[in-house]
Amino acid sequence: MQSTNKEPLIRIVKRTGLKKRYAALLYLASVIIALGIGAILLLSLKANPAEYYKQMFTLGTINNKFAYLQYENYIKEFVPLLITSLALSLAFKMKFWNIGGEGQFILGALAGATVAFLVPSTLNPLLTMILMIFAGALVGGLIGLLTSVLNVKFGTDETLFTLMFNYIALYILTYFGETKAGWNIFLKTDSERPQFAKIPENARMIKIPLGDFSLEISFVFVILLVAFIFIYLTKTKHGYEISVVGDSINTAKYSGMKVDKIICRTMFLSAALIGAAGAIRTSSVQSLSTSITNDVGWTGIIVAWLAKLNPIGIVIVTALISILQCGCITASVSANNVDSHFADLLQGVILFIILAADFFIRFKIVIRKSSKKASTQKEVNV
């Protein structure tokens, strides 16, 4: 009896030798296809796709004397998403799956708000902001450290642990938002219904006036952070250790690296940055809310992977995603039939198609060619 062909009919094989310009063209084509699908959906809603996309990509700033307000809102969305994406990339680079960005962000925001309400209202605004960011980073970092210690000492699954902590953090924030009591410093005292209060004036985001436009100082902070993360990952011993651990833990151990220490240190830094982003967000929007994250913990995961964990790539992807989010809200004002949440749908379509393009850039599908001889053998064997 002759042996049958054990080779599967369809195989997925890693692609090699694809030129970068072809990959870039494929990404561009995927975005165009996604926008085309979005245009069809807009037509089904009796909206003008050209006008909608024009308002979306320009943030509604054309012929708008209040355009500076649109740019200010854009910065408010851009900064926390960029910080969170950069922070998550640190953990992902060593293949430690920090899925707890939402929870770390919430607890960082809560810690920042606690400082804002407890420090004297006469304290210098810059010092107050520094204390808020430090508190948010400390709380977020401790959560990250707890996650990593449990993982390296007891083998707990970091994905499940950080995922569950998202909901724990949200329930904690909800409890403070719904419990009216004398000890609850986060609520308005003159409101019958529980409602989060505005943080004091000296805890609100410092702005640099540039004509009518006011640039939040957090933007300067995040640009410096991008430079720091880039240098940290590419020019320092710690960054090299992260890469080695991500490539192979056994190799890292064999070369004498203290893998447990590296994991704990990196996870602390990752979660601390996300906690700091939460405190910055609180200072920027001037109040807590159960939707304060704006889903940056989830979106940051997508941004980090689309950018292939590259800090410069993360800046570019974050800028585009923020335009999509802010632009769709602006465009929905001029398109009465389109809900502002159309941004979520369009973002999902774009990301799905880009991920599909990324798959075909990295892999190819091979279908086994059957010969007449092989077909005859199969018939005989059967």
Protein backbone atom coordinates (compact mmCIF):
# COMPACT_ATOMS: atom_id res chain seq x y z
CA MET A 1 0.00 0.00 0.00
CA GLN A 2 1.37 3.37 -1.00
CA SER A 3 1.59 6.15 1.59
CA THR A 4 -0.95 8.96 1.25
CA ASN A 5 0.05 12.64 1.00
CA LYS A 6 0.15 13.99 4.53
CA GLU A 7 0.54 17.60 3.39
CA PRO A 8 -2.57 19.66 4.28
CA LEU A 9 -4.67 21.16 1.51
CA ILE A 10 -4.32 24.71 2.88
CA ARG A 11 -1.32 26.01 4.79
CA ILE A 12 -0.37 29.39 6.27
CA VAL A 13 3.27 30.21 5.61
CA LYS A 14 5.31 33.15 6.85
CA ARG A 15 5.99 35.60 4.04
CA THR A 16 9.54 36.81 3.44
CA GLY A 17 11.08 39.33 1.10
CA LEU A 18 8.08 41.65 0.75
CA LYS A 19 9.32 45.16 0.02
CA LYS A 20 8.31 47.91 2.42
CA ARG A 21 6.75 50.05 -0.30
CA TYR A 22 4.39 47.21 -1.20
CA ALA A 23 3.42 46.80 2.45
CA ALA A 24 2.77 50.55 2.68
CA LEU A 25 0.63 50.43 -0.47
CA LEU A 26 -1.35 47.52 0.96
CA TYR A 27 -2.01 49.44 4.18
CA LEU A 28 -3.09 52.48 2.15
CA ALA A 29 -5.39 50.35 0.01
CA SER A 30 -6.98 48.84 3.13
CA VAL A 31 -7.75 52.30 4.51
CA ILE A 32 -9.29 53.35 1.17
CA ILE A 33 -11.41 50.18 1.11
CA ALA A 34 -12.57 50.82 4.68
CA LEU A 35 -13.50 54.42 3.85
CA GLY A 36 -15.37 53.11 0.83
CA ILE A 37 -17.38 50.77 3.04
CA GLY A 38 -18.01 53.72 5.37
CA ALA A 39 -19.22 55.77 2.40
CA ILE A 40 -21.73 53.05 1.49
CA LEU A 41 -23.00 53.02 5.08
CA LEU A 42 -23.30 56.82 5.03
CA LEU A 43 -25.29 56.68 1.78
CA SER A 44 -27.63 54.14 3.38
CA LEU A 45 -28.19 56.72 6.14
CA LYS A 46 -28.94 59.39 3.50
CA ALA A 47 -25.78 61.35 4.35
CA ASN A 48 -23.26 62.87 1.96
CA PRO A 49 -19.99 60.85 2.33
CA ALA A 50 -17.80 63.55 0.75
CA GLU A 51 -19.09 66.23 3.12
CA TYR A 52 -18.92 63.88 6.10
CA TYR A 53 -15.30 62.88 5.42
CA LYS A 54 -14.38 66.50 4.78
CA GLN A 55 -15.71 67.50 8.20
CA MET A 56 -14.11 64.44 9.80
CA PHE A 57 -10.57 64.84 8.47
CA THR A 58 -10.50 68.61 9.00
CA LEU A 59 -12.15 68.36 12.44
CA GLY A 60 -14.72 70.86 11.18
CA THR A 61 -12.16 73.68 11.25
CA ILE A 62 -12.70 74.99 7.69
CA ASN A 63 -14.44 78.39 7.79
CA ASN A 64 -14.89 77.97 11.52
CA LYS A 65 -13.88 80.99 13.60
CA PHE A 66 -13.84 78.76 16.68
CA ALA A 67 -11.51 76.19 15.09
CA TYR A 68 -9.07 76.54 17.98
CA LEU A 69 -11.62 74.85 20.24
CA GLN A 70 -11.58 71.81 17.96
CA TYR A 71 -7.80 71.60 18.23
CA GLU A 72 -7.99 71.91 22.02
CA ASN A 73 -10.49 69.02 22.17
CA TYR A 74 -8.25 67.01 19.87
CA ILE A 75 -5.28 67.44 22.22
CA LYS A 76 -7.43 66.28 25.14
CA GLU A 77 -8.14 63.00 23.34
CA PHE A 78 -4.68 62.59 21.80
CA VAL A 79 -2.56 62.87 24.97
CA PRO A 80 -4.08 60.11 27.18
CA LEU A 81 -4.36 57.69 24.26
CA LEU A 82 -0.72 58.24 23.28
CA ILE A 83 0.56 57.79 26.85
CA THR A 84 -1.50 54.62 27.31
CA SER A 85 -0.38 53.15 23.98
CA LEU A 86 3.28 53.84 24.73
CA ALA A 87 2.92 52.31 28.18
CA LEU A 88 1.24 49.16 26.89
CA SER A 89 3.96 48.73 24.25
CA LEU A 90 6.56 48.38 27.03
CA ALA A 91 4.82 45.35 28.51
CA PHE A 92 3.87 43.87 25.13
CA LYS A 93 7.47 44.11 23.91
CA MET A 94 8.49 41.51 26.48
CA LYS A 95 5.30 39.51 25.74
CA PHE A 96 3.73 40.33 29.08
CA TRP A 97 0.07 40.91 28.25
CA ASN A 98 -1.10 43.95 30.19
CA ILE A 99 -4.79 44.10 29.31
CA GLY A 100 -5.56 46.22 32.37
CA GLY A 101 -5.09 49.67 30.88
CA GLU A 102 -8.67 50.65 31.65
CA GLY A 103 -8.40 49.75 35.32
CA GLN A 104 -4.98 51.31 35.81
CA PHE A 105 -6.21 54.48 34.10
CA ILE A 106 -9.30 54.67 36.33
CA LEU A 107 -7.35 54.17 39.56
CA GLY A 108 -4.79 56.73 38.40
CA ALA A 109 -7.58 59.20 37.73
CA LEU A 110 -9.08 58.50 41.15
CA ALA A 111 -5.69 58.97 42.85
CA GLY A 112 -5.14 62.24 40.99
CA ALA A 113 -8.58 63.50 42.00
CA THR A 114 -7.90 62.55 45.64
CA VAL A 115 -4.80 64.76 45.65
CA ALA A 116 -6.73 67.57 43.94
CA PHE A 117 -9.40 67.62 46.64
CA LEU A 118 -7.08 67.13 49.62
CA VAL A 119 -4.26 69.58 48.97
CA PRO A 120 -4.79 73.23 49.96
CA SER A 121 -6.50 75.31 47.28
CA THR A 122 -3.71 77.85 47.64
CA LEU A 123 -1.00 75.39 46.56
CA ASN A 124 0.89 76.28 43.38
CA PRO A 125 -0.93 74.81 40.30
CA LEU A 126 2.23 73.29 38.82
CA LEU A 127 3.13 71.62 42.11
CA THR A 128 -0.44 70.38 42.48
CA MET A 129 -0.34 68.84 39.01
CA ILE A 130 2.99 67.17 39.72
CA LEU A 131 1.55 65.65 42.92
CA MET A 132 -1.51 64.45 41.02
CA ILE A 133 0.59 62.79 38.33
CA PHE A 134 2.89 61.23 40.94
CA ALA A 135 -0.11 59.83 42.87
CA GLY A 136 -1.68 58.42 39.71
CA ALA A 137 1.62 56.87 38.62
CA LEU A 138 2.22 55.36 42.07
CA VAL A 139 -1.21 53.72 42.30
CA GLY A 140 -1.10 52.46 38.73
CA GLY A 141 2.47 51.22 39.17
CA LEU A 142 1.61 49.31 42.34
CA ILE A 143 -1.22 47.52 40.52
CA GLY A 144 1.20 46.61 37.74
CA LEU A 145 3.80 45.47 40.26
CA LEU A 146 1.23 43.29 42.05
CA THR A 147 0.30 41.69 38.73
CA SER A 148 3.91 40.92 37.81
CA VAL A 149 4.88 39.63 41.28
CA LEU A 150 1.94 37.21 41.31
CA ASN A 151 2.93 36.07 37.83
CA VAL A 152 6.62 35.44 38.49
CA LYS A 153 6.12 33.96 42.00
CA PHE A 154 2.92 31.93 41.59
CA GLY A 155 2.43 31.69 37.84
CA THR A 156 -0.89 33.57 37.75
CA ASP A 157 -2.14 34.53 34.31
CA GLU A 158 -1.47 38.25 33.80
CA THR A 159 -4.04 38.53 31.01
CA LEU A 160 -6.89 37.28 33.18
CA PHE A 161 -5.74 39.17 36.27
CA THR A 162 -5.42 42.56 34.55
CA LEU A 163 -8.67 42.01 32.65
CA MET A 164 -10.62 41.36 35.85
CA PHE A 165 -9.02 44.35 37.53
CA ASN A 166 -10.58 46.61 34.88
CA TYR A 167 -14.02 45.82 36.25
CA ILE A 168 -12.92 46.05 39.87
CA ALA A 169 -11.57 49.56 39.23
CA LEU A 170 -14.75 50.59 37.42
CA TYR A 171 -16.90 49.33 40.32
CA ILE A 172 -14.74 51.27 42.79
CA LEU A 173 -15.19 54.47 40.77
CA THR A 174 -18.93 53.81 40.42
CA TYR A 175 -19.21 53.31 44.20
CA PHE A 176 -17.67 56.72 44.87
CA GLY A 177 -19.90 58.24 42.23
CA GLU A 178 -23.12 56.84 43.68
CA THR A 179 -22.49 56.96 47.44
CA LYS A 180 -23.55 60.26 48.96
CA ALA A 181 -21.88 60.59 52.36
CA GLY A 182 -19.98 63.16 54.35
CA TRP A 183 -16.66 61.39 53.81
CA ASN A 184 -17.03 61.27 50.03
CA ILE A 185 -14.87 64.16 48.85
CA PHE A 186 -15.54 63.51 45.17
CA LEU A 187 -19.21 64.54 45.10
CA LYS A 188 -20.96 67.90 44.98
CA THR A 189 -22.19 68.94 48.42
CA ASP A 190 -25.05 71.09 47.11
CA SER A 191 -26.63 68.41 44.92
CA GLU A 192 -29.41 66.14 46.11
CA ARG A 193 -28.43 63.42 43.66
CA PRO A 194 -24.89 61.98 43.75
CA GLN A 195 -22.81 63.86 41.20
CA PHE A 196 -19.07 64.20 40.78
CA ALA A 197 -17.76 67.67 41.69
CA LYS A 198 -15.35 69.81 39.70
CA ILE A 199 -11.78 69.65 40.97
CA PRO A 200 -10.39 72.88 42.52
CA GLU A 201 -8.99 75.61 40.26
CA ASN A 202 -5.37 75.00 41.22
CA ALA A 203 -5.65 71.33 40.15
CA ARG A 204 -6.89 72.05 36.63
CA MET A 205 -4.67 71.57 33.62
CA ILE A 206 -2.19 74.39 33.05
CA LYS A 207 -2.52 75.91 29.57
CA ILE A 208 -0.02 77.82 27.47
CA PRO A 209 -1.84 80.65 25.61
CA LEU A 210 -0.99 80.84 21.90
CA GLY A 211 -3.36 83.51 20.65
CA ASP A 212 -6.93 82.19 20.89
CA PHE A 213 -5.60 78.64 21.12
CA SER A 214 -4.51 77.29 24.50
CA LEU A 215 -2.02 74.42 24.50
CA GLU A 216 -2.29 72.10 27.48
CA ILE A 217 1.06 71.54 29.14
CA SER A 218 0.36 67.81 29.02
CA PHE A 219 1.13 67.93 25.29
CA VAL A 220 4.68 69.02 26.07
CA PHE A 221 4.92 66.23 28.63
CA VAL A 222 3.81 63.55 26.16
CA ILE A 223 6.28 64.67 23.47
CA LEU A 224 9.10 64.38 26.02
CA LEU A 225 7.72 60.98 26.99
CA VAL A 226 7.88 59.76 23.38
CA ALA A 227 11.56 60.75 23.24
CA PHE A 228 12.21 59.06 26.59
CA ILE A 229 10.52 55.78 25.58
CA PHE A 230 12.34 55.72 22.24
CA ILE A 231 15.74 56.23 23.91
CA TYR A 232 14.84 53.84 26.75
CA LEU A 233 14.00 51.00 24.36
CA THR A 234 16.77 51.53 21.81
CA LYS A 235 19.73 52.99 23.71
CA THR A 236 19.65 51.61 27.26
CA LYS A 237 20.46 48.33 28.94
CA HIS A 238 16.93 48.08 30.30
CA GLY A 239 15.46 48.40 26.82
CA TYR A 240 17.80 45.70 25.51
CA GLU A 241 16.77 43.40 28.37
CA ILE A 242 13.10 43.93 27.52
CA SER A 243 13.76 42.89 23.92
CA VAL A 244 15.71 39.78 24.95
CA VAL A 245 13.00 38.68 27.41
CA GLY A 246 10.39 39.23 24.71
CA ASP A 247 12.36 37.12 22.21
CA SER A 248 13.13 34.27 24.58
CA ILE A 249 12.94 34.04 28.36
CA ASN A 250 15.26 31.02 28.31
CA THR A 251 17.87 32.96 26.35
CA ALA A 252 17.61 35.83 28.84
CA LYS A 253 18.08 33.44 31.76
CA TYR A 254 20.99 31.69 30.07
CA SER A 255 22.75 35.01 29.52
CA GLY A 256 22.48 35.80 33.24
CA MET A 257 19.64 38.31 33.15
CA LYS A 258 17.36 38.54 36.19
CA VAL A 259 14.16 37.90 34.28
CA ASP A 260 11.79 38.22 37.25
CA LYS A 261 13.26 41.63 38.13
CA ILE A 262 13.00 42.79 34.51
CA ILE A 263 9.35 41.75 34.28
CA CYS A 264 8.42 43.45 37.56
CA ARG A 265 10.33 46.63 36.73
CA THR A 266 8.86 46.94 33.24
CA MET A 267 5.32 46.18 34.33
CA PHE A 268 5.58 48.76 37.10
CA LEU A 269 6.70 51.38 34.58
CA SER A 270 3.98 50.41 32.10
CA ALA A 271 1.15 50.63 34.64
CA ALA A 272 2.63 53.74 36.27
CA LEU A 273 2.52 55.64 32.97
CA ILE A 274 -1.10 54.60 32.45
CA GLY A 275 -1.96 55.76 35.99
CA ALA A 276 -0.25 59.08 35.27
CA ALA A 277 -2.34 59.38 32.11
CA GLY A 278 -5.46 58.94 34.24
CA ALA A 279 -4.41 61.75 36.57
CA ILE A 280 -3.65 64.00 33.58
CA ARG A 281 -7.08 63.23 32.13
CA THR A 282 -8.75 64.19 35.42
CA SER A 283 -6.90 67.50 35.45
CA SER A 284 -7.81 68.12 31.81
CA VAL A 285 -11.56 67.38 31.98
CA GLN A 286 -11.70 68.79 35.54
CA SER A 287 -13.93 66.07 36.94
CA LEU A 288 -14.27 62.34 37.44
CA SER A 289 -16.85 60.27 35.57
CA THR A 290 -17.51 56.59 34.90
CA SER A 291 -16.59 57.20 31.24
CA ILE A 292 -13.37 59.08 32.00
CA THR A 293 -11.18 56.55 30.17
CA ASN A 294 -12.92 57.05 26.81
CA ASP A 295 -11.86 53.41 26.21
CA VAL A 296 -8.17 54.33 25.87
CA GLY A 297 -7.21 51.11 27.64
CA TRP A 298 -8.76 49.06 24.82
CA THR A 299 -7.92 51.39 21.94
CA GLY A 300 -4.33 51.64 23.18
CA ILE A 301 -3.90 47.89 22.66
CA ILE A 302 -4.93 48.24 19.02
CA VAL A 303 -2.73 51.30 18.50
CA ALA A 304 0.33 49.58 19.97
CA TRP A 305 -0.06 46.52 17.76
CA LEU A 306 -0.85 48.43 14.58
CA ALA A 307 2.33 50.45 15.17
CA LYS A 308 4.25 47.21 15.79
CA LEU A 309 5.26 48.54 19.23
CA ASN A 310 7.38 51.27 17.65
CA PRO A 311 7.18 54.58 19.59
CA ILE A 312 7.25 56.74 16.44
CA GLY A 313 4.67 54.51 14.79
CA ILE A 314 2.50 54.78 17.90
CA VAL A 315 2.54 58.59 17.60
CA ILE A 316 1.36 58.38 13.97
CA VAL A 317 -1.36 55.79 14.61
CA THR A 318 -2.58 57.66 17.70
CA ALA A 319 -2.82 60.88 15.71
CA LEU A 320 -4.93 59.16 13.03
CA ILE A 321 -7.18 57.36 15.51
CA SER A 322 -7.74 60.61 17.43
CA ILE A 323 -8.69 62.39 14.19
CA LEU A 324 -11.16 59.61 13.50
CA GLN A 325 -12.72 59.84 16.96
CA CYS A 326 -12.90 63.64 17.21
CA GLY A 327 -13.69 64.14 13.53
CA CYS A 328 -16.67 61.79 13.51
CA ILE A 329 -18.21 63.61 16.46
CA THR A 330 -17.78 66.92 14.63
CA ALA A 331 -19.05 65.53 11.33
CA SER A 332 -22.17 64.08 12.95
CA VAL A 333 -23.28 67.62 13.82
CA SER A 334 -23.63 68.46 10.11
CA ALA A 335 -25.13 65.06 9.27
CA ASN A 336 -28.39 64.79 11.18
CA ASN A 337 -29.00 61.18 10.19
CA VAL A 338 -25.63 59.98 11.51
CA ASP A 339 -25.08 59.31 15.19
CA SER A 340 -21.82 60.42 16.80
CA HIS A 341 -21.13 56.75 17.59
CA PHE A 342 -20.68 56.14 13.87
CA ALA A 343 -17.00 56.78 14.72
CA ASP A 344 -16.90 53.49 16.61
CA LEU A 345 -18.37 51.62 13.66
CA LEU A 346 -16.03 53.26 11.15
CA GLN A 347 -13.05 52.71 13.42
CA GLY A 348 -13.96 49.03 13.72
CA VAL A 349 -14.21 48.62 9.94
CA ILE A 350 -10.87 50.36 9.35
CA LEU A 351 -9.07 48.39 12.03
CA PHE A 352 -10.53 45.07 10.87
CA ILE A 353 -9.41 45.62 7.27
CA ILE A 354 -5.98 46.94 8.31
CA LEU A 355 -5.48 43.87 10.51
CA ALA A 356 -6.46 41.69 7.55
CA ALA A 357 -3.91 43.54 5.42
CA ASP A 358 -1.31 43.08 8.15
CA PHE A 359 -2.00 39.34 8.12
CA PHE A 360 -1.39 39.07 4.37
CA ILE A 361 1.76 41.20 4.68
CA ARG A 362 3.20 38.82 7.25
CA PHE A 363 1.81 35.51 5.93
CA LYS A 364 0.64 33.87 2.74
CA ILE A 365 -1.88 31.10 2.16
CA VAL A 366 -0.56 28.12 0.25
CA ILE A 367 -3.00 25.70 -1.40
CA ARG A 368 -1.64 22.26 -2.25
CA LYS A 369 -1.71 21.49 -5.94
CA SER A 370 -3.05 18.02 -6.62
CA SER A 371 -1.58 16.10 -9.53
CA LYS A 372 -3.31 13.50 -11.67
CA LYS A 373 -0.93 10.87 -10.30
CA ALA A 374 -1.75 11.73 -6.72
CA SER A 375 -5.46 11.66 -7.55
CA THR A 376 -5.12 8.15 -9.04
CA GLN A 377 -3.21 6.92 -6.01
CA LYS A 378 -5.90 8.25 -3.73
CA GLU A 379 -8.58 6.47 -5.64
CA VAL A 380 -6.61 3.20 -5.48
CA ASN A 381 -5.99 3.53 -1.76
CA VAL A 382 -9.62 4.24 -1.02
